[in-house]
Amino acid sequence: MPAASASRTASHSGAHGTLEALGARVRWDRLGRVAMLGVLVALLYLYASAGVHVLSSWRQSRQDNATVATMEREHTALVAQREALTRAGTLETEARQLGMIKSGEQPYVIGGLPGN
Protein backbone atom coordinates (compact mmCIF):
# COMPACT_ATOMS: atom_id res chain seq x y z
CA MET A 1 0.00 0.00 0.00
CA PRO A 2 2.82 2.40 0.21
CA ALA A 3 2.69 2.70 -3.54
CA ALA A 4 -0.97 3.78 -3.50
CA SER A 5 -0.44 6.48 -0.92
CA ALA A 6 2.61 7.74 -2.77
CA SER A 7 0.62 8.07 -5.99
CA ARG A 8 -2.10 10.02 -4.12
CA THR A 9 0.46 12.39 -2.67
CA ALA A 10 2.02 12.93 -6.06
CA SER A 11 -1.31 13.54 -7.76
CA HIS A 12 -2.42 15.93 -5.00
CA SER A 13 0.76 18.00 -5.12
CA GLY A 14 0.65 17.85 -8.89
CA ALA A 15 -2.89 19.29 -8.96
CA HIS A 16 -1.89 22.06 -6.58
CA GLY A 17 1.17 22.81 -8.63
CA THR A 18 -0.97 22.98 -11.78
CA LEU A 19 -3.33 25.56 -10.23
CA GLU A 20 -0.37 27.69 -9.20
CA ALA A 21 1.07 27.43 -12.67
CA LEU A 22 -2.23 28.66 -14.17
CA GLY A 23 -2.15 31.79 -12.02
CA ALA A 24 -4.97 30.82 -9.64
CA ARG A 25 -3.13 32.19 -6.63
CA VAL A 26 -4.92 35.04 -4.86
CA ARG A 27 -3.03 38.28 -5.24
CA TRP A 28 -3.95 39.92 -1.96
CA ASP A 29 -2.25 43.21 -2.79
CA ARG A 30 -4.32 43.63 -5.97
CA LEU A 31 -7.52 42.49 -4.21
CA GLY A 32 -6.86 45.00 -1.43
CA ARG A 33 -6.40 47.82 -3.93
CA VAL A 34 -9.63 46.92 -5.72
CA ALA A 35 -11.49 46.80 -2.41
CA MET A 36 -10.07 50.19 -1.39
CA LEU A 37 -11.09 51.62 -4.76
CA GLY A 38 -14.61 50.29 -4.24
CA VAL A 39 -14.78 51.90 -0.79
CA LEU A 40 -13.48 55.19 -2.23
CA VAL A 41 -16.12 55.16 -4.98
CA ALA A 42 -18.85 54.44 -2.41
CA LEU A 43 -17.66 57.33 -0.19
CA LEU A 44 -17.53 59.71 -3.15
CA TYR A 45 -21.07 58.72 -4.09
CA LEU A 46 -22.29 59.35 -0.54
CA TYR A 47 -20.59 62.76 -0.36
CA ALA A 48 -21.94 63.75 -3.79
CA SER A 49 -25.49 62.72 -2.94
CA ALA A 50 -25.31 64.62 0.37
CA GLY A 51 -24.02 67.71 -1.48
CA VAL A 52 -26.85 67.51 -4.00
CA HIS A 53 -29.34 67.19 -1.14
CA VAL A 54 -27.88 70.25 0.63
CA LEU A 55 -28.00 72.28 -2.59
CA SER A 56 -31.61 71.24 -3.21
CA SER A 57 -32.58 72.17 0.36
CA TRP A 58 -30.85 75.56 0.02
CA ARG A 59 -32.75 76.33 -3.20
CA GLN A 60 -36.05 75.27 -1.62
CA SER A 61 -35.30 77.47 1.40
CA ARG A 62 -34.69 80.50 -0.82
CA GLN A 63 -37.95 79.86 -2.67
CA ASP A 64 -39.84 79.46 0.61
CA ASN A 65 -38.33 82.70 1.95
CA ALA A 66 -39.49 84.56 -1.18
CA THR A 67 -42.99 83.09 -0.76
CA VAL A 68 -43.07 84.13 2.90
CA ALA A 69 -42.00 87.69 2.00
CA THR A 70 -44.77 87.92 -0.62
CA MET A 71 -47.35 86.62 1.85
CA GLU A 72 -46.20 89.10 4.52
CA ARG A 73 -46.66 91.99 2.08
CA GLU A 74 -50.12 90.71 1.16
CA HIS A 75 -50.99 90.34 4.85
CA THR A 76 -49.93 93.93 5.54
CA ALA A 77 -52.09 95.17 2.66
CA LEU A 78 -55.08 93.14 3.89
CA VAL A 79 -54.71 94.43 7.45
CA ALA A 80 -54.65 98.02 6.15
CA GLN A 81 -57.74 97.32 4.01
CA ARG A 82 -59.54 95.79 7.00
CA GLU A 83 -58.74 98.83 9.15
CA ALA A 84 -60.02 101.14 6.42
CA LEU A 85 -63.24 99.16 6.02
CA THR A 86 -63.97 98.99 9.76
CA ARG A 87 -63.85 102.76 10.29
CA ALA A 88 -67.19 104.35 11.19
CA GLY A 89 -67.85 106.35 8.02
CA THR A 90 -66.42 103.92 5.49
CA LEU A 91 -69.46 101.66 5.26
CA GLU A 92 -71.85 104.57 4.76
CA THR A 93 -69.57 106.19 2.17
CA GLU A 94 -69.29 102.95 0.17
CA ALA A 95 -73.09 102.44 0.32
CA ARG A 96 -73.78 105.98 -0.90
CA GLN A 97 -71.35 105.49 -3.81
CA LEU A 98 -73.42 102.47 -4.79
CA GLY A 99 -76.60 104.61 -4.73
CA MET A 100 -78.08 103.33 -1.48
CA ILE A 101 -80.01 105.51 0.96
CA LYS A 102 -80.91 105.25 4.61
CA SER A 103 -84.41 104.26 5.53
CA GLY A 104 -86.58 107.35 5.85
CA GLU A 105 -84.44 109.55 3.56
CA GLN A 106 -85.92 111.24 0.51
CA PRO A 107 -84.11 110.17 -2.69
CA TYR A 108 -83.40 112.85 -5.28
CA VAL A 109 -82.82 112.09 -8.97
CA ILE A 110 -81.06 114.85 -10.88
CA GLY A 111 -81.39 114.65 -14.63
CA GLY A 112 -79.93 116.53 -17.58
CA LEU A 113 -76.34 116.43 -16.40
CA PRO A 114 -73.59 116.11 -19.02
CA GLY A 115 -72.06 112.63 -19.31
CA ASN A 116 -68.53 112.00 -18.25
C-alpha atoms as a PDB file:
ATOM      1  CA  MET A   1       0.000   0.000   0.000  1.00  0.00           C
ATOM      2  CA  PRO A   2       2.816   2.397   0.213  1.00  0.00           C
ATOM      3  CA  ALA A   3       2.692   2.695  -3.537  1.00  0.00           C
ATOM      4  CA  ALA A   4      -0.972   3.778  -3.500  1.00  0.00           C
ATOM      5  CA  SER A   5      -0.441   6.478  -0.915  1.00  0.00           C
ATOM      6  CA  ALA A   6       2.613   7.741  -2.772  1.00  0.00           C
ATOM      7  CA  SER A   7       0.617   8.075  -5.990  1.00  0.00           C
ATOM      8  CA  ARG A   8      -2.098  10.017  -4.120  1.00  0.00           C
ATOM      9  CA  THR A   9       0.460  12.393  -2.671  1.00  0.00           C
ATOM     10  CA  ALA A  10       2.024  12.927  -6.057  1.00  0.00           C
ATOM     11  CA  SER A  11      -1.307  13.540  -7.760  1.00  0.00           C
ATOM     12  CA  HIS A  12      -2.422  15.932  -5.001  1.00  0.00           C
ATOM     13  CA  SER A  13       0.764  17.995  -5.122  1.00  0.00           C
ATOM     14  CA  GLY A  14       0.653  17.845  -8.891  1.00  0.00           C
ATOM     15  CA  ALA A  15      -2.886  19.286  -8.959  1.00  0.00           C
ATOM     16  CA  HIS A  16      -1.892  22.057  -6.580  1.00  0.00           C
ATOM     17  CA  GLY A  17       1.170  22.808  -8.626  1.00  0.00           C
ATOM     18  CA  THR A  18      -0.971  22.984 -11.783  1.00  0.00           C
ATOM     19  CA  LEU A  19      -3.327  25.559 -10.228  1.00  0.00           C
ATOM     20  CA  GLU A  20      -0.373  27.688  -9.202  1.00  0.00           C
ATOM     21  CA  ALA A  21       1.070  27.427 -12.674  1.00  0.00           C
ATOM     22  CA  LEU A  22      -2.229  28.659 -14.174  1.00  0.00           C
ATOM     23  CA  GLY A  23      -2.152  31.789 -12.018  1.00  0.00           C
ATOM     24  CA  ALA A  24      -4.968  30.825  -9.643  1.00  0.00           C
ATOM     25  CA  ARG A  25      -3.133  32.190  -6.628  1.00  0.00           C
ATOM     26  CA  VAL A  26      -4.921  35.041  -4.859  1.00  0.00           C
ATOM     27  CA  ARG A  27      -3.029  38.284  -5.240  1.00  0.00           C
ATOM     28  CA  TRP A  28      -3.947  39.922  -1.963  1.00  0.00           C
ATOM     29  CA  ASP A  29      -2.251  43.210  -2.789  1.00  0.00           C
ATOM     30  CA  ARG A  30      -4.320  43.628  -5.968  1.00  0.00           C
ATOM     31  CA  LEU A  31      -7.516  42.491  -4.211  1.00  0.00           C
ATOM     32  CA  GLY A  32      -6.862  44.997  -1.429  1.00  0.00           C
ATOM     33  CA  ARG A  33      -6.402  47.824  -3.930  1.00  0.00           C
ATOM     34  CA  VAL A  34      -9.626  46.924  -5.721  1.00  0.00           C
ATOM     35  CA  ALA A  35     -11.488  46.802  -2.410  1.00  0.00           C
ATOM     36  CA  MET A  36     -10.066  50.189  -1.395  1.00  0.00           C
ATOM     37  CA  LEU A  37     -11.091  51.620  -4.760  1.00  0.00           C
ATOM     38  CA  GLY A  38     -14.607  50.287  -4.238  1.00  0.00           C
ATOM     39  CA  VAL A  39     -14.779  51.899  -0.789  1.00  0.00           C
ATOM     40  CA  LEU A  40     -13.484  55.191  -2.225  1.00  0.00           C
ATOM     41  CA  VAL A  41     -16.118  55.161  -4.978  1.00  0.00           C
ATOM     42  CA  ALA A  42     -18.847  54.442  -2.407  1.00  0.00           C
ATOM     43  CA  LEU A  43     -17.663  57.326  -0.193  1.00  0.00           C
ATOM     44  CA  LEU A  44     -17.526  59.712  -3.152  1.00  0.00           C
ATOM     45  CA  TYR A  45     -21.075  58.725  -4.089  1.00  0.00           C
ATOM     46  CA  LEU A  46     -22.290  59.347  -0.538  1.00  0.00           C
ATOM     47  CA  TYR A  47     -20.595  62.756  -0.358  1.00  0.00           C
ATOM     48  CA  ALA A  48     -21.938  63.751  -3.788  1.00  0.00           C
ATOM     49  CA  SER A  49     -25.491  62.720  -2.938  1.00  0.00           C
ATOM     50  CA  ALA A  50     -25.307  64.619   0.366  1.00  0.00           C
ATOM     51  CA  GLY A  51     -24.018  67.706  -1.477  1.00  0.00           C
ATOM     52  CA  VAL A  52     -26.847  67.509  -3.995  1.00  0.00           C
ATOM     53  CA  HIS A  53     -29.336  67.195  -1.141  1.00  0.00           C
ATOM     54  CA  VAL A  54     -27.883  70.248   0.633  1.00  0.00           C
ATOM     55  CA  LEU A  55     -28.003  72.279  -2.587  1.00  0.00           C
ATOM     56  CA  SER A  56     -31.607  71.244  -3.205  1.00  0.00           C
ATOM     57  CA  SER A  57     -32.576  72.168   0.364  1.00  0.00           C
ATOM     58  CA  TRP A  58     -30.853  75.562   0.023  1.00  0.00           C
ATOM     59  CA  ARG A  59     -32.754  76.331  -3.203  1.00  0.00           C
ATOM     60  CA  GLN A  60     -36.055  75.270  -1.618  1.00  0.00           C
ATOM     61  CA  SER A  61     -35.295  77.465   1.399  1.00  0.00           C
ATOM     62  CA  ARG A  62     -34.693  80.504  -0.822  1.00  0.00           C
ATOM     63  CA  GLN A  63     -37.947  79.861  -2.667  1.00  0.00           C
ATOM     64  CA  ASP A  64     -39.839  79.461   0.611  1.00  0.00           C
ATOM     65  CA  ASN A  65     -38.331  82.701   1.949  1.00  0.00           C
ATOM     66  CA  ALA A  66     -39.492  84.558  -1.180  1.00  0.00           C
ATOM     67  CA  THR A  67     -42.989  83.094  -0.764  1.00  0.00           C
ATOM     68  CA  VAL A  68     -43.074  84.131   2.900  1.00  0.00           C
ATOM     69  CA  ALA A  69     -42.002  87.692   2.004  1.00  0.00           C
ATOM     70  CA  THR A  70     -44.766  87.916  -0.619  1.00  0.00           C
ATOM     71  CA  MET A  71     -47.346  86.620   1.851  1.00  0.00           C
ATOM     72  CA  GLU A  72     -46.198  89.099   4.517  1.00  0.00           C
ATOM     73  CA  ARG A  73     -46.661  91.995   2.080  1.00  0.00           C
ATOM     74  CA  GLU A  74     -50.121  90.711   1.155  1.00  0.00           C
ATOM     75  CA  HIS A  75     -50.990  90.339   4.847  1.00  0.00           C
ATOM     76  CA  THR A  76     -49.926  93.931   5.545  1.00  0.00           C
ATOM     77  CA  ALA A  77     -52.090  95.175   2.662  1.00  0.00           C
ATOM     78  CA  LEU A  78     -55.078  93.139   3.888  1.00  0.00           C
ATOM     79  CA  VAL A  79     -54.710  94.432   7.449  1.00  0.00           C
ATOM     80  CA  ALA A  80     -54.647  98.021   6.151  1.00  0.00           C
ATOM     81  CA  GLN A  81     -57.738  97.319   4.009  1.00  0.00           C
ATOM     82  CA  ARG A  82     -59.541  95.788   7.004  1.00  0.00           C
ATOM     83  CA  GLU A  83     -58.741  98.828   9.150  1.00  0.00           C
ATOM     84  CA  ALA A  84     -60.019 101.143   6.416  1.00  0.00           C
ATOM     85  CA  LEU A  85     -63.240  99.162   6.021  1.00  0.00           C
ATOM     86  CA  THR A  86     -63.973  98.988   9.757  1.00  0.00           C
ATOM     87  CA  ARG A  87     -63.848 102.761  10.291  1.00  0.00           C
ATOM     88  CA  ALA A  88     -67.189 104.346  11.192  1.00  0.00           C
ATOM     89  CA  GLY A  89     -67.851 106.349   8.022  1.00  0.00           C
ATOM     90  CA  THR A  90     -66.424 103.920   5.490  1.00  0.00           C
ATOM     91  CA  LEU A  91     -69.462 101.661   5.264  1.00  0.00           C
ATOM     92  CA  GLU A  92     -71.848 104.568   4.764  1.00  0.00           C
ATOM     93  CA  THR A  93     -69.570 106.189   2.167  1.00  0.00           C
ATOM     94  CA  GLU A  94     -69.294 102.948   0.172  1.00  0.00           C
ATOM     95  CA  ALA A  95     -73.093 102.442   0.323  1.00  0.00           C
ATOM     96  CA  ARG A  96     -73.782 105.982  -0.901  1.00  0.00           C
ATOM     97  CA  GLN A  97     -71.348 105.495  -3.811  1.00  0.00           C
ATOM     98  CA  LEU A  98     -73.425 102.469  -4.795  1.00  0.00           C
ATOM     99  CA  GLY A  99     -76.600 104.611  -4.726  1.00  0.00           C
ATOM    100  CA  MET A 100     -78.076 103.327  -1.475  1.00  0.00           C
ATOM    101  CA  ILE A 101     -80.009 105.508   0.957  1.00  0.00           C
ATOM    102  CA  LYS A 102     -80.910 105.248   4.615  1.00  0.00           C
ATOM    103  CA  SER A 103     -84.406 104.259   5.525  1.00  0.00           C
ATOM    104  CA  GLY A 104     -86.583 107.354   5.853  1.00  0.00           C
ATOM    105  CA  GLU A 105     -84.443 109.548   3.557  1.00  0.00           C
ATOM    106  CA  GLN A 106     -85.920 111.245   0.511  1.00  0.00           C
ATOM    107  CA  PRO A 107     -84.108 110.174  -2.688  1.00  0.00           C
ATOM    108  CA  TYR A 108     -83.397 112.850  -5.279  1.00  0.00           C
ATOM    109  CA  VAL A 109     -82.816 112.093  -8.970  1.00  0.00           C
ATOM    110  CA  ILE A 110     -81.064 114.853 -10.875  1.00  0.00           C
ATOM    111  CA  GLY A 111     -81.387 114.646 -14.626  1.00  0.00           C
ATOM    112  CA  GLY A 112     -79.932 116.534 -17.576  1.00  0.00           C
ATOM    113  CA  LEU A 113     -76.339 116.428 -16.402  1.00  0.00           C
ATOM    114  CA  PRO A 114     -73.593 116.112 -19.017  1.00  0.00           C
ATOM    115  CA  GLY A 115     -72.059 112.626 -19.305  1.00  0.00           C
ATOM    116  CA  ASN A 116     -68.528 111.996 -18.248  1.00  0.00           C
END
